[in-house]
Amino acid sequence: MAVLIERVSLVITRRSISALYPGGWNRFQFDVAEHCWCSDEDLVSISFTDTKQLFAFWDDCDDTVSHAGPRGDPYRLEVHPVDHLSGPLLPCKFLVFQVLRLDASPALVSVASFKTPRNRVRHVTRIALSELAAPRGWQFEQSASEAGQQIRRGWNSLPPGH
């Protein structure tokens, strides 16, 4: 399965939420209820309209998970910022970013999948809606994914060198 990436999203591993977030997975769901978010069995994607909101939320998460490990090293959630047009904003070892066709339509969606040494992510060109974790009530029409597709079309029509 894969999680939907729209606008600029913060992707967090569920294992780090369960292990480090005070109150675990249940409390985290309560705390992010007001945000546009989705999750599969491995990843959570929380969408923000801009990077300022994303980094403010990330700072809040860091403040929430502020206890030290056995050697005094701070525990950190496995968190990564991802842009739906350009992909991961920093190098990341735990996710694979792809732009895929949604079902049999020409609609394009950006997704992130969890990557481990044992389960190499297959590089595919399409994803079924049933295989995509998306926020409740999400539809492609009127979404940031649809707007992103319009932007990508514009990039493809630019003259060479621009």
C-alpha atoms as a PDB file:
ATOM      1  CA  MET A   1       0.000   0.000   0.000  1.00  0.00           C
ATOM      2  CA  ALA A   2       1.049   3.649  -0.315  1.00  0.00           C
ATOM      3  CA  VAL A   3       0.068   6.962   1.265  1.00  0.00           C
ATOM      4  CA  LEU A   4      -1.096   9.968  -0.732  1.00  0.00           C
ATOM      5  CA  ILE A   5       1.220  12.976  -0.839  1.00  0.00           C
ATOM      6  CA  GLU A   6      -0.485  16.312  -1.464  1.00  0.00           C
ATOM      7  CA  ARG A   7       0.952  19.814  -1.358  1.00  0.00           C
ATOM      8  CA  VAL A   8       3.773  19.530   1.145  1.00  0.00           C
ATOM      9  CA  SER A   9       3.396  16.550   3.456  1.00  0.00           C
ATOM     10  CA  LEU A  10       5.101  15.301   6.552  1.00  0.00           C
ATOM     11  CA  VAL A  11       5.610  11.532   6.354  1.00  0.00           C
ATOM     12  CA  ILE A  12       6.166   9.720   9.655  1.00  0.00           C
ATOM     13  CA  THR A  13       6.702   6.023  10.281  1.00  0.00           C
ATOM     14  CA  ARG A  14       3.965   4.442  12.373  1.00  0.00           C
ATOM     15  CA  ARG A  15       6.547   2.380  14.245  1.00  0.00           C
ATOM     16  CA  SER A  16       8.200   5.534  15.586  1.00  0.00           C
ATOM     17  CA  ILE A  17       4.815   7.003  16.559  1.00  0.00           C
ATOM     18  CA  SER A  18       3.885   3.806  18.428  1.00  0.00           C
ATOM     19  CA  ALA A  19       7.266   3.661  20.171  1.00  0.00           C
ATOM     20  CA  LEU A  20       7.898   7.327  20.964  1.00  0.00           C
ATOM     21  CA  TYR A  21       4.764   9.452  20.822  1.00  0.00           C
ATOM     22  CA  PRO A  22       3.244   9.934  24.307  1.00  0.00           C
ATOM     23  CA  GLY A  23       0.028   7.897  24.272  1.00  0.00           C
ATOM     24  CA  GLY A  24       1.175   6.049  21.149  1.00  0.00           C
ATOM     25  CA  TRP A  25      -0.825   5.637  17.973  1.00  0.00           C
ATOM     26  CA  ASN A  26      -4.247   6.336  19.547  1.00  0.00           C
ATOM     27  CA  ARG A  27      -3.165   9.681  21.024  1.00  0.00           C
ATOM     28  CA  PHE A  28      -1.418  10.664  17.795  1.00  0.00           C
ATOM     29  CA  GLN A  29      -4.633  10.085  15.810  1.00  0.00           C
ATOM     30  CA  PHE A  30      -6.495  12.310  18.261  1.00  0.00           C
ATOM     31  CA  ASP A  31      -3.817  15.024  18.044  1.00  0.00           C
ATOM     32  CA  VAL A  32      -3.827  15.141  14.218  1.00  0.00           C
ATOM     33  CA  ALA A  33      -7.606  14.872  13.808  1.00  0.00           C
ATOM     34  CA  GLU A  34      -7.919  18.494  12.644  1.00  0.00           C
ATOM     35  CA  HIS A  35      -5.315  18.003   9.898  1.00  0.00           C
ATOM     36  CA  CYS A  36      -5.693  16.409   6.474  1.00  0.00           C
ATOM     37  CA  TRP A  37      -3.952  13.058   6.993  1.00  0.00           C
ATOM     38  CA  CYS A  38      -3.957   9.400   6.046  1.00  0.00           C
ATOM     39  CA  SER A  39      -2.024   6.258   6.907  1.00  0.00           C
ATOM     40  CA  ASP A  40      -1.310   2.737   5.786  1.00  0.00           C
ATOM     41  CA  GLU A  41       0.243  -0.005   7.928  1.00  0.00           C
ATOM     42  CA  ASP A  42       3.716   1.641   7.799  1.00  0.00           C
ATOM     43  CA  LEU A  43       3.459   5.378   7.096  1.00  0.00           C
ATOM     44  CA  VAL A  44       1.404   8.446   8.016  1.00  0.00           C
ATOM     45  CA  SER A  45       1.115  11.389   5.617  1.00  0.00           C
ATOM     46  CA  ILE A  46      -0.058  14.755   6.959  1.00  0.00           C
ATOM     47  CA  SER A  47      -0.679  17.421   4.301  1.00  0.00           C
ATOM     48  CA  PHE A  48      -0.027  21.130   4.817  1.00  0.00           C
ATOM     49  CA  THR A  49      -0.653  24.105   2.552  1.00  0.00           C
ATOM     50  CA  ASP A  50       2.874  25.458   3.022  1.00  0.00           C
ATOM     51  CA  THR A  51       6.248  24.599   4.517  1.00  0.00           C
ATOM     52  CA  LYS A  52       5.807  27.095   7.378  1.00  0.00           C
ATOM     53  CA  GLN A  53       2.847  25.069   8.711  1.00  0.00           C
ATOM     54  CA  LEU A  54       4.702  21.811   8.110  1.00  0.00           C
ATOM     55  CA  PHE A  55       7.814  22.865  10.033  1.00  0.00           C
ATOM     56  CA  ALA A  56       5.724  24.318  12.893  1.00  0.00           C
ATOM     57  CA  PHE A  57       3.950  20.954  13.240  1.00  0.00           C
ATOM     58  CA  TRP A  58       7.298  19.125  13.028  1.00  0.00           C
ATOM     59  CA  ASP A  59       8.707  21.334  15.810  1.00  0.00           C
ATOM     60  CA  ASP A  60       5.642  20.527  17.952  1.00  0.00           C
ATOM     61  CA  CYS A  61       6.264  16.807  17.385  1.00  0.00           C
ATOM     62  CA  ASP A  62       9.905  17.216  18.396  1.00  0.00           C
ATOM     63  CA  ASP A  63       8.807  19.036  21.565  1.00  0.00           C
ATOM     64  CA  THR A  64       6.295  16.280  22.341  1.00  0.00           C
ATOM     65  CA  VAL A  65       8.893  13.524  21.919  1.00  0.00           C
ATOM     66  CA  SER A  66      11.585  15.181  24.014  1.00  0.00           C
ATOM     67  CA  HIS A  67      12.979  12.402  26.181  1.00  0.00           C
ATOM     68  CA  ALA A  68      16.540  11.169  25.941  1.00  0.00           C
ATOM     69  CA  GLY A  69      17.749   7.695  25.067  1.00  0.00           C
ATOM     70  CA  PRO A  70      20.036   5.523  27.202  1.00  0.00           C
ATOM     71  CA  ARG A  71      23.192   7.368  26.088  1.00  0.00           C
ATOM     72  CA  GLY A  72      21.620  10.817  26.373  1.00  0.00           C
ATOM     73  CA  ASP A  73      20.875  10.968  22.645  1.00  0.00           C
ATOM     74  CA  PRO A  74      17.442  12.427  21.946  1.00  0.00           C
ATOM     75  CA  TYR A  75      14.826  10.039  20.586  1.00  0.00           C
ATOM     76  CA  ARG A  76      13.349  11.288  17.344  1.00  0.00           C
ATOM     77  CA  LEU A  77      10.307  10.338  15.356  1.00  0.00           C
ATOM     78  CA  GLU A  78      11.164   9.069  11.875  1.00  0.00           C
ATOM     79  CA  VAL A  79       9.834  12.120  10.048  1.00  0.00           C
ATOM     80  CA  HIS A  80      10.390  13.339   6.522  1.00  0.00           C
ATOM     81  CA  PRO A  81       9.037  16.324   4.504  1.00  0.00           C
ATOM     82  CA  VAL A  82       7.848  15.509   0.965  1.00  0.00           C
ATOM     83  CA  ASP A  83       6.575  17.843  -1.767  1.00  0.00           C
ATOM     84  CA  HIS A  84       3.915  16.383  -4.070  1.00  0.00           C
ATOM     85  CA  LEU A  85       5.563  17.866  -7.161  1.00  0.00           C
ATOM     86  CA  SER A  86       9.279  17.402  -6.484  1.00  0.00           C
ATOM     87  CA  GLY A  87       9.407  14.554  -3.964  1.00  0.00           C
ATOM     88  CA  PRO A  88      11.423  14.273  -0.723  1.00  0.00           C
ATOM     89  CA  LEU A  89      12.895  17.594   0.433  1.00  0.00           C
ATOM     90  CA  LEU A  90      15.815  15.792   2.121  1.00  0.00           C
ATOM     91  CA  PRO A  91      17.478  12.415   1.492  1.00  0.00           C
ATOM     92  CA  CYS A  92      15.429   9.651   3.122  1.00  0.00           C
ATOM     93  CA  LYS A  93      16.161   5.966   3.624  1.00  0.00           C
ATOM     94  CA  PHE A  94      12.706   4.755   4.674  1.00  0.00           C
ATOM     95  CA  LEU A  95      10.466   5.856   1.812  1.00  0.00           C
ATOM     96  CA  VAL A  96      10.085   5.646  -1.928  1.00  0.00           C
ATOM     97  CA  PHE A  97       8.358   8.520  -3.729  1.00  0.00           C
ATOM     98  CA  GLN A  98       6.490   7.892  -6.977  1.00  0.00           C
ATOM     99  CA  VAL A  99       4.057   9.699  -9.270  1.00  0.00           C
ATOM    100  CA  LEU A 100       1.527   7.138 -10.511  1.00  0.00           C
ATOM    101  CA  ARG A 101      -1.602   6.979 -12.627  1.00  0.00           C
ATOM    102  CA  LEU A 102      -4.737   6.472 -10.558  1.00  0.00           C
ATOM    103  CA  ASP A 103      -6.560   3.332 -11.690  1.00  0.00           C
ATOM    104  CA  ALA A 104      -7.075   3.279 -15.460  1.00  0.00           C
ATOM    105  CA  SER A 105      -7.479   7.059 -15.729  1.00  0.00           C
ATOM    106  CA  PRO A 106      -4.925   9.647 -16.842  1.00  0.00           C
ATOM    107  CA  ALA A 107      -5.051  11.158 -13.323  1.00  0.00           C
ATOM    108  CA  LEU A 108      -1.645  11.395 -11.620  1.00  0.00           C
ATOM    109  CA  VAL A 109      -1.113  11.113  -7.868  1.00  0.00           C
ATOM    110  CA  SER A 110       2.041  11.406  -5.778  1.00  0.00           C
ATOM    111  CA  VAL A 111       2.558   8.592  -3.287  1.00  0.00           C
ATOM    112  CA  ALA A 112       5.058   7.434  -0.695  1.00  0.00           C
ATOM    113  CA  SER A 113       5.706   3.798   0.162  1.00  0.00           C
ATOM    114  CA  PHE A 114       7.722   2.320   3.005  1.00  0.00           C
ATOM    115  CA  LYS A 115      11.026   0.806   1.923  1.00  0.00           C
ATOM    116  CA  THR A 116      12.873  -1.929   3.769  1.00  0.00           C
ATOM    117  CA  PRO A 117      15.720  -4.178   2.622  1.00  0.00           C
ATOM    118  CA  ARG A 118      13.348  -7.156   2.509  1.00  0.00           C
ATOM    119  CA  ASN A 119      10.419  -5.605   0.709  1.00  0.00           C
ATOM    120  CA  ARG A 120      11.793  -3.793  -2.269  1.00  0.00           C
ATOM    121  CA  VAL A 121       9.113  -1.466  -3.594  1.00  0.00           C
ATOM    122  CA  ARG A 122       8.045  -2.479  -7.070  1.00  0.00           C
ATOM    123  CA  HIS A 123       8.235   0.381  -9.485  1.00  0.00           C
ATOM    124  CA  VAL A 124       4.850   0.530 -11.117  1.00  0.00           C
ATOM    125  CA  THR A 125       3.075   3.105 -13.246  1.00  0.00           C
ATOM    126  CA  ARG A 126      -0.456   2.745 -11.839  1.00  0.00           C
ATOM    127  CA  ILE A 127      -2.123   2.421  -8.461  1.00  0.00           C
ATOM    128  CA  ALA A 128      -5.681   1.361  -7.713  1.00  0.00           C
ATOM    129  CA  LEU A 129      -7.664   3.633  -5.428  1.00  0.00           C
ATOM    130  CA  SER A 130      -8.128   0.597  -3.161  1.00  0.00           C
ATOM    131  CA  GLU A 131      -4.301   0.408  -2.750  1.00  0.00           C
ATOM    132  CA  LEU A 132      -3.960   4.098  -1.872  1.00  0.00           C
ATOM    133  CA  ALA A 133      -4.324   5.425   1.668  1.00  0.00           C
ATOM    134  CA  ALA A 134      -5.969   8.842   1.279  1.00  0.00           C
ATOM    135  CA  PRO A 135      -7.739  11.193   3.694  1.00  0.00           C
ATOM    136  CA  ARG A 136     -11.396  10.400   4.388  1.00  0.00           C
ATOM    137  CA  GLY A 137     -13.640  11.653   1.621  1.00  0.00           C
ATOM    138  CA  TRP A 138     -10.703  12.425  -0.689  1.00  0.00           C
ATOM    139  CA  GLN A 139     -11.510  12.596  -4.400  1.00  0.00           C
ATOM    140  CA  PHE A 140      -9.140  13.394  -7.221  1.00  0.00           C
ATOM    141  CA  GLU A 141     -11.415  16.087  -8.619  1.00  0.00           C
ATOM    142  CA  GLN A 142     -10.801  19.432  -6.861  1.00  0.00           C
ATOM    143  CA  SER A 143      -7.751  18.006  -5.017  1.00  0.00           C
ATOM    144  CA  ALA A 144      -4.185  19.261  -4.792  1.00  0.00           C
ATOM    145  CA  SER A 145      -3.271  16.220  -6.918  1.00  0.00           C
ATOM    146  CA  GLU A 146      -5.481  17.494  -9.732  1.00  0.00           C
ATOM    147  CA  ALA A 147      -3.919  20.963  -9.431  1.00  0.00           C
ATOM    148  CA  GLY A 148      -0.458  19.347  -9.448  1.00  0.00           C
ATOM    149  CA  GLN A 149      -1.306  17.537 -12.662  1.00  0.00           C
ATOM    150  CA  GLN A 150      -2.159  20.895 -14.278  1.00  0.00           C
ATOM    151  CA  ILE A 151       1.220  22.272 -13.132  1.00  0.00           C
ATOM    152  CA  ARG A 152       3.078  19.217 -14.502  1.00  0.00           C
ATOM    153  CA  ARG A 153       1.352  19.671 -17.874  1.00  0.00           C
ATOM    154  CA  GLY A 154       2.544  23.294 -17.872  1.00  0.00           C
ATOM    155  CA  TRP A 155       6.124  22.174 -17.204  1.00  0.00           C
ATOM    156  CA  ASN A 156       5.941  19.792 -20.161  1.00  0.00           C
ATOM    157  CA  SER A 157       4.815  22.607 -22.482  1.00  0.00           C
ATOM    158  CA  LEU A 158       7.692  24.982 -21.614  1.00  0.00           C
ATOM    159  CA  PRO A 159      10.158  25.653 -24.407  1.00  0.00           C
ATOM    160  CA  PRO A 160      13.609  24.004 -23.998  1.00  0.00           C
ATOM    161  CA  GLY A 161      15.892  25.865 -21.606  1.00  0.00           C
ATOM    162  CA  HIS A 162      13.131  27.215 -19.355  1.00  0.00           C
END
